[in-house]
Amino acid sequence: MASLRSPSCPLPCARPGRARVALCLVLLAATLAMATEQPPPQALRSDSGRFVAANAEFTLLHEMGHLLIAELDLPVLGREEDAADQLGFISLFLSYGRQRDADFYAKLLDIADYWRLEWQRIKPAEEEVYAWASHGLDAQRFYNLACLIYGSDPDQLEWVPKVTGLPVERALYCDQEYAQVRKALAWVEQQHGRTANEPIRHRIQVIYEPLSQYLEDSQHLLAQIRRSGEVEAIAARASEAYRLPRDLVLRLSNCGAADAWYSRTGGELVLCYERLTYFHALAAQLPRLRQTPAPALCQACR
């Protein structure tokens, strides 16, 4: 079956008269066709350990996006938070040679589903994301990531819009969105990438602070992260790929909050141990979430 592809016309369902009706019929037919595509069973299998590891990795890569923007003085059009999400996703995607591996798809869905869980969670006022904030709304971040996942390989991932509820009118253009982000990262590598024979002058050092007593229950989560070696791999990849202007630090620390950030002043990327605990708590909701995907509808076709 042909995959859902973006036409060379303006946004679908926005045209008046017969053209609009014809486009909507095509979109609805494509949606029904997609509904017959089934994801690999292992891609939807809930695994709390994988969910924690995948989202810890994406969090680090998101903050690494901020690090590269600051340290390499990258131009950013739009919100920096959106750019950091895109850099984080593409860095994760391109760091693996298993893009058609169901386990890898499961990892990508874990990352998107974190934002779906955040979107659906009732938050106290101090945790709410407002329209004026520098971060996108949780729902926007979920759909943006779902679009990049689908756009990375539409032929292989025709089931992603159905599973995530990504509306067909957005899905039509996701291959273009993915191509834009890949092109941006290629430009960064061309402008700031280290050549094969160029010495590494500055590195990112990884530091694990001791867990505080009140986080001792999270010891197994930290042990899992350390065994994977992924934190060190992320720091090494950035150190080896780019001409960093100074030595930097990637620190895992007790913070008192489930947070992460990059400090331009201190040259330090911090991932809080509390965030690992928070990911673990959210993972308990995955079975319910994946049994009730959001509907994908063309709003203007109703």
C-alpha atoms as a PDB file:
ATOM      1  CA  MET A   1       0.000   0.000   0.000  1.00  0.00           C
ATOM      2  CA  ALA A   2       1.291   3.467  -0.804  1.00  0.00           C
ATOM      3  CA  SER A   3       2.182   5.480   2.262  1.00  0.00           C
ATOM      4  CA  LEU A   4       0.560   8.757   3.175  1.00  0.00           C
ATOM      5  CA  ARG A   5       2.640  11.424   1.416  1.00  0.00           C
ATOM      6  CA  SER A   6       2.470  15.196   1.285  1.00  0.00           C
ATOM      7  CA  PRO A   7       1.078  16.649  -1.960  1.00  0.00           C
ATOM      8  CA  SER A   8       2.566  19.694  -3.658  1.00  0.00           C
ATOM      9  CA  CYS A   9      -0.419  21.815  -2.691  1.00  0.00           C
ATOM     10  CA  PRO A  10      -1.348  24.071   0.237  1.00  0.00           C
ATOM     11  CA  LEU A  11      -2.576  22.693   3.559  1.00  0.00           C
ATOM     12  CA  PRO A  12      -5.309  20.075   2.979  1.00  0.00           C
ATOM     13  CA  CYS A  13      -8.892  20.721   4.123  1.00  0.00           C
ATOM     14  CA  ALA A  14      -8.271  24.463   3.788  1.00  0.00           C
ATOM     15  CA  ARG A  15      -9.512  24.767   0.211  1.00  0.00           C
ATOM     16  CA  PRO A  16     -13.097  25.884  -0.527  1.00  0.00           C
ATOM     17  CA  GLY A  17     -15.730  24.182  -2.642  1.00  0.00           C
ATOM     18  CA  ARG A  18     -15.213  21.002  -4.627  1.00  0.00           C
ATOM     19  CA  ALA A  19     -11.432  20.966  -4.201  1.00  0.00           C
ATOM     20  CA  ARG A  20     -11.846  20.917  -0.446  1.00  0.00           C
ATOM     21  CA  VAL A  21     -14.396  18.086  -0.569  1.00  0.00           C
ATOM     22  CA  ALA A  22     -12.204  16.028  -2.917  1.00  0.00           C
ATOM     23  CA  LEU A  23      -9.156  16.483  -0.720  1.00  0.00           C
ATOM     24  CA  CYS A  24     -11.107  15.524   2.395  1.00  0.00           C
ATOM     25  CA  LEU A  25     -12.353  12.354   0.734  1.00  0.00           C
ATOM     26  CA  VAL A  26      -8.811  11.423  -0.208  1.00  0.00           C
ATOM     27  CA  LEU A  27      -7.620  12.093   3.341  1.00  0.00           C
ATOM     28  CA  LEU A  28     -10.411  10.076   4.886  1.00  0.00           C
ATOM     29  CA  ALA A  29      -9.716   7.174   2.534  1.00  0.00           C
ATOM     30  CA  ALA A  30      -6.031   7.325   3.437  1.00  0.00           C
ATOM     31  CA  THR A  31      -6.927   7.357   7.131  1.00  0.00           C
ATOM     32  CA  LEU A  32      -9.066   4.236   6.742  1.00  0.00           C
ATOM     33  CA  ALA A  33      -6.289   2.533   4.821  1.00  0.00           C
ATOM     34  CA  MET A  34      -3.787   3.376   7.552  1.00  0.00           C
ATOM     35  CA  ALA A  35      -6.093   1.900  10.159  1.00  0.00           C
ATOM     36  CA  THR A  36      -5.400  -1.557   8.674  1.00  0.00           C
ATOM     37  CA  GLU A  37      -1.664  -1.209   9.273  1.00  0.00           C
ATOM     38  CA  GLN A  38      -0.641  -2.930  12.506  1.00  0.00           C
ATOM     39  CA  PRO A  39       2.446  -1.982  14.544  1.00  0.00           C
ATOM     40  CA  PRO A  40       4.933  -4.674  15.559  1.00  0.00           C
ATOM     41  CA  PRO A  41       3.580  -6.099  18.855  1.00  0.00           C
ATOM     42  CA  GLN A  42       6.895  -5.516  20.639  1.00  0.00           C
ATOM     43  CA  ALA A  43       6.763  -1.813  19.730  1.00  0.00           C
ATOM     44  CA  LEU A  44       3.696  -1.367  21.946  1.00  0.00           C
ATOM     45  CA  ARG A  45       4.865  -3.566  24.806  1.00  0.00           C
ATOM     46  CA  SER A  46       5.217  -1.566  28.019  1.00  0.00           C
ATOM     47  CA  ASP A  47       8.612  -1.736  29.717  1.00  0.00           C
ATOM     48  CA  SER A  48       9.282   0.627  32.614  1.00  0.00           C
ATOM     49  CA  GLY A  49      13.056   0.164  32.446  1.00  0.00           C
ATOM     50  CA  ARG A  50      13.143   0.992  28.751  1.00  0.00           C
ATOM     51  CA  PHE A  51      10.821   3.973  29.312  1.00  0.00           C
ATOM     52  CA  VAL A  52      13.139   5.406  31.999  1.00  0.00           C
ATOM     53  CA  ALA A  53      16.272   4.860  29.911  1.00  0.00           C
ATOM     54  CA  ALA A  54      14.755   6.262  26.696  1.00  0.00           C
ATOM     55  CA  ASN A  55      13.473   9.424  28.343  1.00  0.00           C
ATOM     56  CA  ALA A  56      16.645   9.971  30.355  1.00  0.00           C
ATOM     57  CA  GLU A  57      18.549   9.761  27.079  1.00  0.00           C
ATOM     58  CA  PHE A  58      16.188  12.128  25.287  1.00  0.00           C
ATOM     59  CA  THR A  59      16.342  14.589  28.205  1.00  0.00           C
ATOM     60  CA  LEU A  60      20.132  14.592  28.012  1.00  0.00           C
ATOM     61  CA  LEU A  61      20.032  15.070  24.237  1.00  0.00           C
ATOM     62  CA  HIS A  62      17.485  17.888  24.562  1.00  0.00           C
ATOM     63  CA  GLU A  63      19.793  19.673  27.005  1.00  0.00           C
ATOM     64  CA  MET A  64      22.717  18.842  24.727  1.00  0.00           C
ATOM     65  CA  GLY A  65      20.799  20.762  22.076  1.00  0.00           C
ATOM     66  CA  HIS A  66      20.828  23.799  24.380  1.00  0.00           C
ATOM     67  CA  LEU A  67      24.545  23.213  24.983  1.00  0.00           C
ATOM     68  CA  LEU A  68      25.324  23.206  21.256  1.00  0.00           C
ATOM     69  CA  ILE A  69      23.172  26.274  20.610  1.00  0.00           C
ATOM     70  CA  ALA A  70      25.010  28.173  23.357  1.00  0.00           C
ATOM     71  CA  GLU A  71      28.556  26.921  22.886  1.00  0.00           C
ATOM     72  CA  LEU A  72      28.596  26.938  19.064  1.00  0.00           C
ATOM     73  CA  ASP A  73      26.546  30.154  18.859  1.00  0.00           C
ATOM     74  CA  LEU A  74      24.044  28.522  16.518  1.00  0.00           C
ATOM     75  CA  PRO A  75      21.363  30.652  14.837  1.00  0.00           C
ATOM     76  CA  VAL A  76      17.861  29.668  15.935  1.00  0.00           C
ATOM     77  CA  LEU A  77      14.671  30.601  14.114  1.00  0.00           C
ATOM     78  CA  GLY A  78      11.713  30.176  16.436  1.00  0.00           C
ATOM     79  CA  ARG A  79      11.803  28.990  20.020  1.00  0.00           C
ATOM     80  CA  GLU A  80      15.047  27.534  21.306  1.00  0.00           C
ATOM     81  CA  GLU A  81      13.095  24.863  23.207  1.00  0.00           C
ATOM     82  CA  ASP A  82      11.610  23.572  19.954  1.00  0.00           C
ATOM     83  CA  ALA A  83      15.049  23.549  18.333  1.00  0.00           C
ATOM     84  CA  ALA A  84      16.478  21.627  21.304  1.00  0.00           C
ATOM     85  CA  ASP A  85      13.710  19.024  20.987  1.00  0.00           C
ATOM     86  CA  GLN A  86      14.486  18.621  17.297  1.00  0.00           C
ATOM     87  CA  LEU A  87      18.242  18.377  17.867  1.00  0.00           C
ATOM     88  CA  GLY A  88      17.617  15.881  20.646  1.00  0.00           C
ATOM     89  CA  PHE A  89      15.348  13.680  18.540  1.00  0.00           C
ATOM     90  CA  ILE A  90      17.563  13.656  15.462  1.00  0.00           C
ATOM     91  CA  SER A  91      20.677  13.031  17.548  1.00  0.00           C
ATOM     92  CA  LEU A  92      18.936  10.047  19.127  1.00  0.00           C
ATOM     93  CA  PHE A  93      17.653   8.768  15.814  1.00  0.00           C
ATOM     94  CA  LEU A  94      20.953   9.040  13.961  1.00  0.00           C
ATOM     95  CA  SER A  95      22.992   7.568  16.806  1.00  0.00           C
ATOM     96  CA  TYR A  96      21.469   4.151  16.085  1.00  0.00           C
ATOM     97  CA  GLY A  97      21.806   1.981  13.023  1.00  0.00           C
ATOM     98  CA  ARG A  98      18.568   0.149  13.853  1.00  0.00           C
ATOM     99  CA  GLN A  99      15.909   2.454  12.500  1.00  0.00           C
ATOM    100  CA  ARG A 100      13.825  -0.525  11.332  1.00  0.00           C
ATOM    101  CA  ASP A 101      14.169  -2.406  14.609  1.00  0.00           C
ATOM    102  CA  ALA A 102      10.909  -2.772  16.587  1.00  0.00           C
ATOM    103  CA  ASP A 103      12.792  -2.239  19.853  1.00  0.00           C
ATOM    104  CA  PHE A 104      14.004   1.096  18.529  1.00  0.00           C
ATOM    105  CA  TYR A 105      10.466   2.078  17.513  1.00  0.00           C
ATOM    106  CA  ALA A 106       9.352   1.204  21.036  1.00  0.00           C
ATOM    107  CA  LYS A 107      11.998   3.560  22.389  1.00  0.00           C
ATOM    108  CA  LEU A 108      10.769   6.389  20.168  1.00  0.00           C
ATOM    109  CA  LEU A 109       7.165   5.775  21.249  1.00  0.00           C
ATOM    110  CA  ASP A 110       8.298   5.864  24.886  1.00  0.00           C
ATOM    111  CA  ILE A 111       9.640   9.372  24.316  1.00  0.00           C
ATOM    112  CA  ALA A 112       6.491  10.609  22.562  1.00  0.00           C
ATOM    113  CA  ASP A 113       4.278   8.964  25.180  1.00  0.00           C
ATOM    114  CA  TYR A 114       6.099  10.746  27.984  1.00  0.00           C
ATOM    115  CA  TRP A 115       4.754  14.007  26.563  1.00  0.00           C
ATOM    116  CA  ARG A 116       1.295  12.512  26.090  1.00  0.00           C
ATOM    117  CA  LEU A 117       1.283  11.515  29.773  1.00  0.00           C
ATOM    118  CA  GLU A 118       2.450  15.001  30.758  1.00  0.00           C
ATOM    119  CA  TRP A 119      -0.258  16.530  28.585  1.00  0.00           C
ATOM    120  CA  GLN A 120      -2.981  14.425  30.215  1.00  0.00           C
ATOM    121  CA  ARG A 121      -1.708  14.798  33.768  1.00  0.00           C
ATOM    122  CA  ILE A 122      -3.577  17.220  36.028  1.00  0.00           C
ATOM    123  CA  LYS A 123      -0.902  19.630  37.231  1.00  0.00           C
ATOM    124  CA  PRO A 124      -0.674  22.059  40.121  1.00  0.00           C
ATOM    125  CA  ALA A 125      -0.473  25.700  39.054  1.00  0.00           C
ATOM    126  CA  GLU A 126       3.295  25.909  39.552  1.00  0.00           C
ATOM    127  CA  GLU A 127       3.872  23.040  37.073  1.00  0.00           C
ATOM    128  CA  GLU A 128       1.434  24.201  34.419  1.00  0.00           C
ATOM    129  CA  VAL A 129       2.872  25.180  31.010  1.00  0.00           C
ATOM    130  CA  TYR A 130       1.220  28.383  29.810  1.00  0.00           C
ATOM    131  CA  ALA A 131       0.815  29.693  26.271  1.00  0.00           C
ATOM    132  CA  TRP A 132       3.264  32.528  26.967  1.00  0.00           C
ATOM    133  CA  ALA A 133       6.037  30.222  28.226  1.00  0.00           C
ATOM    134  CA  SER A 134       9.285  29.512  26.366  1.00  0.00           C
ATOM    135  CA  HIS A 135       8.427  25.805  26.241  1.00  0.00           C
ATOM    136  CA  GLY A 136       5.750  24.479  23.921  1.00  0.00           C
ATOM    137  CA  LEU A 137       2.603  23.011  25.423  1.00  0.00           C
ATOM    138  CA  ASP A 138       2.938  19.339  26.340  1.00  0.00           C
ATOM    139  CA  ALA A 139       0.386  18.403  23.665  1.00  0.00           C
ATOM    140  CA  GLN A 140       2.377  20.301  21.032  1.00  0.00           C
ATOM    141  CA  ARG A 141       5.605  18.559  22.009  1.00  0.00           C
ATOM    142  CA  PHE A 142       3.856  15.190  21.830  1.00  0.00           C
ATOM    143  CA  TYR A 143       2.494  15.806  18.328  1.00  0.00           C
ATOM    144  CA  ASN A 144       5.784  17.319  17.126  1.00  0.00           C
ATOM    145  CA  LEU A 145       7.687  14.222  18.196  1.00  0.00           C
ATOM    146  CA  ALA A 146       5.022  11.870  16.829  1.00  0.00           C
ATOM    147  CA  CYS A 147       5.323  13.702  13.497  1.00  0.00           C
ATOM    148  CA  LEU A 148       9.120  13.352  13.429  1.00  0.00           C
ATOM    149  CA  ILE A 149       8.852   9.644  14.256  1.00  0.00           C
ATOM    150  CA  TYR A 150       6.382   9.045  11.427  1.00  0.00           C
ATOM    151  CA  GLY A 151       8.235  11.346   9.019  1.00  0.00           C
ATOM    152  CA  SER A 152      11.505   9.489   9.556  1.00  0.00           C
ATOM    153  CA  ASP A 153      10.201   6.487   7.573  1.00  0.00           C
ATOM    154  CA  PRO A 154       6.557   6.811   6.398  1.00  0.00           C
ATOM    155  CA  ASP A 155       6.641   3.582   4.386  1.00  0.00           C
ATOM    156  CA  GLN A 156       7.660   1.513   7.402  1.00  0.00           C
ATOM    157  CA  LEU A 157       5.741   3.474  10.031  1.00  0.00           C
ATOM    158  CA  GLU A 158       2.260   3.796   8.531  1.00  0.00           C
ATOM    159  CA  TRP A 159       0.852   2.603  11.875  1.00  0.00           C
ATOM    160  CA  VAL A 160       2.262   5.561  13.852  1.00  0.00           C
ATOM    161  CA  PRO A 161      -0.576   8.054  13.116  1.00  0.00           C
ATOM    162  CA  LYS A 162      -3.131   5.478  14.249  1.00  0.00           C
ATOM    163  CA  VAL A 163      -1.274   4.607  17.463  1.00  0.00           C
ATOM    164  CA  THR A 164      -0.447   8.203  18.418  1.00  0.00           C
ATOM    165  CA  GLY A 165      -3.596   9.902  17.131  1.00  0.00           C
ATOM    166  CA  LEU A 166      -1.501  12.116  14.847  1.00  0.00           C
ATOM    167  CA  PRO A 167      -4.105  13.809  12.592  1.00  0.00           C
ATOM    168  CA  VAL A 168      -3.836  12.970   8.923  1.00  0.00           C
ATOM    169  CA  GLU A 169      -3.596  16.635   7.891  1.00  0.00           C
ATOM    170  CA  ARG A 170      -0.368  16.934   9.923  1.00  0.00           C
ATOM    171  CA  ALA A 171       0.913  13.470   8.979  1.00  0.00           C
ATOM    172  CA  LEU A 172       0.857  14.405   5.275  1.00  0.00           C
ATOM    173  CA  TYR A 173       3.802  16.748   5.802  1.00  0.00           C
ATOM    174  CA  CYS A 174       5.835  14.896   8.418  1.00  0.00           C
ATOM    175  CA  ASP A 175       8.372  13.540   5.935  1.00  0.00           C
ATOM    176  CA  GLN A 176       9.125  17.157   4.993  1.00  0.00           C
ATOM    177  CA  GLU A 177       9.430  18.197   8.639  1.00  0.00           C
ATOM    178  CA  TYR A 178      11.869  15.359   9.279  1.00  0.00           C
ATOM    179  CA  ALA A 179      13.901  16.306   6.198  1.00  0.00           C
ATOM    180  CA  GLN A 180      14.090  19.931   7.379  1.00  0.00           C
ATOM    181  CA  VAL A 181      15.455  18.917  10.780  1.00  0.00           C
ATOM    182  CA  ARG A 182      18.002  16.550   9.236  1.00  0.00           C
ATOM    183  CA  LYS A 183      19.127  19.330   6.905  1.00  0.00           C
ATOM    184  CA  ALA A 184      19.579  21.705   9.850  1.00  0.00           C
ATOM    185  CA  LEU A 185      21.697  19.176  11.737  1.00  0.00           C
ATOM    186  CA  ALA A 186      23.770  18.527   8.602  1.00  0.00           C
ATOM    187  CA  TRP A 187      24.462  22.280   8.414  1.00  0.00           C
ATOM    188  CA  VAL A 188      25.582  22.338  12.057  1.00  0.00           C
ATOM    189  CA  GLU A 189      27.922  19.416  11.427  1.00  0.00           C
ATOM    190  CA  GLN A 190      29.310  21.051   8.301  1.00  0.00           C
ATOM    191  CA  GLN A 191      29.957  24.367  10.057  1.00  0.00           C
ATOM    192  CA  HIS A 192      31.119  23.116  13.447  1.00  0.00           C
ATOM    193  CA  GLY A 193      31.975  19.458  13.014  1.00  0.00           C
ATOM    194  CA  ARG A 194      35.434  18.130  13.797  1.00  0.00           C
ATOM    195  CA  THR A 195      37.294  16.511  10.909  1.00  0.00           C
ATOM    196  CA  ALA A 196      38.701  13.002  11.232  1.00  0.00           C
ATOM    197  CA  ASN A 197      42.298  14.195  11.607  1.00  0.00           C
ATOM    198  CA  GLU A 198      41.503  17.140  13.866  1.00  0.00           C
ATOM    199  CA  PRO A 199      42.537  16.692  17.521  1.00  0.00           C
ATOM    200  CA  ILE A 200      39.885  16.843  20.244  1.00  0.00           C
ATOM    201  CA  ARG A 201      40.744  19.976  22.208  1.00  0.00           C
ATOM    202  CA  HIS A 202      37.839  20.048  24.627  1.00  0.00           C
ATOM    203  CA  ARG A 203      35.688  17.322  26.133  1.00  0.00           C
ATOM    204  CA  ILE A 204      32.514  16.898  28.142  1.00  0.00           C
ATOM    205  CA  GLN A 205      33.289  15.268  31.488  1.00  0.00           C
ATOM    206  CA  VAL A 206      30.650  13.037  33.116  1.00  0.00           C
ATOM    207  CA  ILE A 207      30.217  13.290  36.892  1.00  0.00           C
ATOM    208  CA  TYR A 208      27.894  11.150  39.016  1.00  0.00           C
ATOM    209  CA  GLU A 209      27.206  12.646  42.405  1.00  0.00           C
ATOM    210  CA  PRO A 210      26.285  10.234  45.241  1.00  0.00           C
ATOM    211  CA  LEU A 211      22.567   9.633  45.653  1.00  0.00           C
ATOM    212  CA  SER A 212      21.070  11.383  48.653  1.00  0.00           C
ATOM    213  CA  GLN A 213      19.463   9.229  51.350  1.00  0.00           C
ATOM    214  CA  TYR A 214      15.918  10.148  50.400  1.00  0.00           C
ATOM    215  CA  LEU A 215      16.534   8.814  46.866  1.00  0.00           C
ATOM    216  CA  GLU A 216      18.011   5.454  47.859  1.00  0.00           C
ATOM    217  CA  ASP A 217      14.973   3.680  46.386  1.00  0.00           C
ATOM    218  CA  SER A 218      16.157   4.935  42.993  1.00  0.00           C
ATOM    219  CA  GLN A 219      19.499   3.155  43.265  1.00  0.00           C
ATOM    220  CA  HIS A 220      18.408   0.487  40.773  1.00  0.00           C
ATOM    221  CA  LEU A 221      17.428   3.156  38.213  1.00  0.00           C
ATOM    222  CA  LEU A 222      20.822   4.813  38.465  1.00  0.00           C
ATOM    223  CA  ALA A 223      22.560   1.441  38.251  1.00  0.00           C
ATOM    224  CA  GLN A 224      20.630   0.675  35.074  1.00  0.00           C
ATOM    225  CA  ILE A 225      21.656   3.987  33.517  1.00  0.00           C
ATOM    226  CA  ARG A 226      25.293   3.517  34.478  1.00  0.00           C
ATOM    227  CA  ARG A 227      25.417  -0.057  33.160  1.00  0.00           C
ATOM    228  CA  SER A 228      24.119   1.095  29.784  1.00  0.00           C
ATOM    229  CA  GLY A 229      27.027   3.533  29.374  1.00  0.00           C
ATOM    230  CA  GLU A 230      24.689   5.807  27.435  1.00  0.00           C
ATOM    231  CA  VAL A 231      25.491   8.952  29.439  1.00  0.00           C
ATOM    232  CA  GLU A 232      29.192   8.557  28.684  1.00  0.00           C
ATOM    233  CA  ALA A 233      28.387   7.742  25.055  1.00  0.00           C
ATOM    234  CA  ILE A 234      26.370  10.960  24.641  1.00  0.00           C
ATOM    235  CA  ALA A 235      29.198  13.045  26.137  1.00  0.00           C
ATOM    236  CA  ALA A 236      31.790  11.286  23.966  1.00  0.00           C
ATOM    237  CA  ARG A 237      29.770  11.704  20.754  1.00  0.00           C
ATOM    238  CA  ALA A 238      29.386  15.439  21.298  1.00  0.00           C
ATOM    239  CA  SER A 239      33.063  15.832  22.236  1.00  0.00           C
ATOM    240  CA  GLU A 240      34.200  13.934  19.165  1.00  0.00           C
ATOM    241  CA  ALA A 241      31.708  15.372  16.680  1.00  0.00           C
ATOM    242  CA  TYR A 242      32.029  19.128  17.360  1.00  0.00           C
ATOM    243  CA  ARG A 243      34.732  21.733  17.937  1.00  0.00           C
ATOM    244  CA  LEU A 244      33.704  22.684  21.448  1.00  0.00           C
ATOM    245  CA  PRO A 245      35.185  26.009  22.602  1.00  0.00           C
ATOM    246  CA  ARG A 246      35.865  24.850  26.186  1.00  0.00           C
ATOM    247  CA  ASP A 247      35.720  21.876  28.526  1.00  0.00           C
ATOM    248  CA  LEU A 248      32.206  21.199  29.791  1.00  0.00           C
ATOM    249  CA  VAL A 249      30.508  19.013  32.400  1.00  0.00           C
ATOM    250  CA  LEU A 250      27.569  16.602  32.251  1.00  0.00           C
ATOM    251  CA  ARG A 251      26.490  16.075  35.858  1.00  0.00           C
ATOM    252  CA  LEU A 252      23.928  13.692  37.350  1.00  0.00           C
ATOM    253  CA  SER A 253      22.911  15.163  40.658  1.00  0.00           C
ATOM    254  CA  ASN A 254      20.410  15.444  43.516  1.00  0.00           C
ATOM    255  CA  CYS A 255      18.358  18.578  42.883  1.00  0.00           C
ATOM    256  CA  GLY A 256      15.235  18.397  45.029  1.00  0.00           C
ATOM    257  CA  ALA A 257      13.079  18.460  41.878  1.00  0.00           C
ATOM    258  CA  ALA A 258      12.538  16.303  38.764  1.00  0.00           C
ATOM    259  CA  ASP A 259      14.440  18.671  36.517  1.00  0.00           C
ATOM    260  CA  ALA A 260      17.239  19.037  33.975  1.00  0.00           C
ATOM    261  CA  TRP A 261      18.970  22.078  32.484  1.00  0.00           C
ATOM    262  CA  TYR A 262      22.034  23.515  30.792  1.00  0.00           C
ATOM    263  CA  SER A 263      23.870  26.388  32.465  1.00  0.00           C
ATOM    264  CA  ARG A 264      25.681  28.569  29.951  1.00  0.00           C
ATOM    265  CA  THR A 265      27.458  30.420  32.758  1.00  0.00           C
ATOM    266  CA  GLY A 266      28.833  27.292  34.400  1.00  0.00           C
ATOM    267  CA  GLY A 267      29.230  25.257  31.218  1.00  0.00           C
ATOM    268  CA  GLU A 268      27.339  22.450  32.919  1.00  0.00           C
ATOM    269  CA  LEU A 269      24.513  20.140  31.846  1.00  0.00           C
ATOM    270  CA  VAL A 270      22.591  18.711  34.806  1.00  0.00           C
ATOM    271  CA  LEU A 271      20.203  15.743  34.924  1.00  0.00           C
ATOM    272  CA  CYS A 272      18.505  15.351  38.289  1.00  0.00           C
ATOM    273  CA  TYR A 273      18.153  11.919  39.855  1.00  0.00           C
ATOM    274  CA  GLU A 274      14.622  12.908  40.800  1.00  0.00           C
ATOM    275  CA  ARG A 275      13.759  12.950  37.099  1.00  0.00           C
ATOM    276  CA  LEU A 276      14.634   9.261  36.800  1.00  0.00           C
ATOM    277  CA  THR A 277      12.260   8.525  39.684  1.00  0.00           C
ATOM    278  CA  TYR A 278       9.566  10.586  37.996  1.00  0.00           C
ATOM    279  CA  PHE A 279       9.965   8.700  34.704  1.00  0.00           C
ATOM    280  CA  HIS A 280       9.612   5.432  36.614  1.00  0.00           C
ATOM    281  CA  ALA A 281       6.380   6.591  38.238  1.00  0.00           C
ATOM    282  CA  LEU A 282       4.893   7.657  34.894  1.00  0.00           C
ATOM    283  CA  ALA A 283       5.793   4.329  33.285  1.00  0.00           C
ATOM    284  CA  ALA A 284       3.101   2.628  35.374  1.00  0.00           C
ATOM    285  CA  GLN A 285       0.490   4.394  33.211  1.00  0.00           C
ATOM    286  CA  LEU A 286       1.777   3.094  29.872  1.00  0.00           C
ATOM    287  CA  PRO A 287      -0.492   0.012  29.600  1.00  0.00           C
ATOM    288  CA  ARG A 288      -3.624   2.156  30.010  1.00  0.00           C
ATOM    289  CA  LEU A 289      -2.315   4.827  27.649  1.00  0.00           C
ATOM    290  CA  ARG A 290      -1.551   2.429  24.811  1.00  0.00           C
ATOM    291  CA  GLN A 291      -4.932   0.781  24.986  1.00  0.00           C
ATOM    292  CA  THR A 292      -6.693   4.101  24.297  1.00  0.00           C
ATOM    293  CA  PRO A 293      -4.906   6.014  21.501  1.00  0.00           C
ATOM    294  CA  ALA A 294      -6.308   9.414  20.603  1.00  0.00           C
ATOM    295  CA  PRO A 295      -8.482   9.534  17.456  1.00  0.00           C
ATOM    296  CA  ALA A 296      -6.957  11.004  14.298  1.00  0.00           C
ATOM    297  CA  LEU A 297      -9.525  13.216  12.605  1.00  0.00           C
ATOM    298  CA  CYS A 298      -9.551  15.828   9.879  1.00  0.00           C
ATOM    299  CA  GLN A 299     -11.252  18.640  11.780  1.00  0.00           C
ATOM    300  CA  ALA A 300     -12.302  20.644   8.718  1.00  0.00           C
ATOM    301  CA  CYS A 301     -13.886  17.582   7.081  1.00  0.00           C
ATOM    302  CA  ARG A 302     -16.640  17.164   9.675  1.00  0.00           C
END
